[in-house]
Amino acid sequence: MRALCLITVKPGKVDSVVAILKKKRKIVKQIMVVAGRADISVLLQGNIDEINSIVIDFKKIKDIVTTETLIEVEVDLGW
């Protein structure tokens, strides 16, 4: 299962948060600094319990303001 976690951080804290996220390599597959409503986008891969656990862990990082997690779903559109 894959998920995309959009993270907003306190001003000036992107680099320090990215450094912390890089240490969580078991589930974190890619980290991107992005422009838009989020500051950082993190691609996660694991089972639902692992994804849930890492997102809860993200919320313990003091410089993270908000997270939004988008879970990949399989949909049969009949194409």
Protein backbone atom coordinates (compact mmCIF):
# COMPACT_ATOMS: atom_id res chain seq x y z
CA MET A 1 0.00 0.00 0.00
CA ARG A 2 1.22 3.51 -0.75
CA ALA A 3 0.27 6.86 0.73
CA LEU A 4 1.25 10.47 0.19
CA CYS A 5 1.62 12.58 3.32
CA LEU A 6 1.43 16.35 2.83
CA ILE A 7 3.20 18.19 5.65
CA THR A 8 3.06 21.86 6.63
CA VAL A 9 5.86 23.11 8.87
CA LYS A 10 6.65 26.27 10.84
CA PRO A 11 8.35 29.02 8.81
CA GLY A 12 12.07 28.40 8.32
CA LYS A 13 11.93 24.80 9.56
CA VAL A 14 11.72 22.84 6.30
CA ASP A 15 15.39 21.78 6.32
CA SER A 16 15.35 20.58 9.93
CA VAL A 17 12.11 18.60 9.41
CA VAL A 18 13.46 17.00 6.22
CA ALA A 19 16.59 15.94 8.14
CA ILE A 20 14.39 14.23 10.76
CA LEU A 21 12.22 12.56 8.11
CA LYS A 22 15.28 11.16 6.31
CA LYS A 23 16.03 9.06 9.41
CA LYS A 24 12.70 7.21 9.04
CA ARG A 25 13.66 5.22 5.95
CA LYS A 26 11.76 1.98 6.67
CA ILE A 27 8.41 3.36 5.48
CA VAL A 28 9.47 6.69 3.94
CA LYS A 29 10.38 6.08 0.29
CA GLN A 30 10.71 9.65 -1.00
CA ILE A 31 10.76 13.15 0.47
CA MET A 32 10.02 16.20 -1.66
CA VAL A 33 10.03 19.86 -0.70
CA VAL A 34 7.05 21.26 -2.61
CA ALA A 35 5.27 24.54 -3.33
CA GLY A 36 1.57 24.90 -2.60
CA ARG A 37 -0.53 24.36 0.48
CA ALA A 38 2.04 21.89 1.87
CA ASP A 39 5.77 22.40 2.41
CA ILE A 40 6.88 18.76 2.25
CA SER A 41 5.43 15.72 0.49
CA VAL A 42 6.42 12.26 1.71
CA LEU A 43 5.76 9.05 -0.22
CA LEU A 44 5.12 6.18 2.21
CA GLN A 45 4.99 2.48 1.44
CA GLY A 46 3.90 -0.24 3.86
CA ASN A 47 0.79 -1.79 5.31
CA ILE A 48 -1.97 0.37 6.78
CA ASP A 49 -0.73 -0.13 10.35
CA GLU A 50 2.81 0.97 9.41
CA ILE A 51 1.51 4.02 7.56
CA ASN A 52 -0.77 4.93 10.46
CA SER A 53 2.09 4.55 12.94
CA ILE A 54 4.51 6.73 10.97
CA VAL A 55 1.93 9.50 10.45
CA ILE A 56 1.23 9.52 14.21
CA ASP A 57 5.01 9.67 14.71
CA PHE A 58 5.21 12.68 12.35
CA LYS A 59 2.81 14.57 14.61
CA LYS A 60 5.36 14.28 17.44
CA ILE A 61 7.85 16.41 15.48
CA LYS A 62 7.49 19.84 17.08
CA ASP A 63 8.01 21.88 13.91
CA ILE A 64 5.25 20.11 11.96
CA VAL A 65 2.04 22.15 12.01
CA THR A 66 -0.32 19.89 10.03
CA THR A 67 -0.36 16.68 8.02
CA GLU A 68 -2.78 15.38 5.41
CA THR A 69 -2.44 11.77 4.30
CA LEU A 70 -3.75 10.54 0.95
CA ILE A 71 -4.10 6.75 0.85
CA GLU A 72 -3.83 5.00 -2.52
CA VAL A 73 -6.93 2.99 -3.43
CA GLU A 74 -7.56 0.52 -6.20
CA VAL A 75 -10.60 1.33 -8.29
CA ASP A 76 -11.99 -0.66 -11.20
CA LEU A 77 -13.23 1.93 -13.65
CA GLY A 78 -14.08 -0.71 -16.25
CA TRP A 79 -11.59 0.54 -18.84
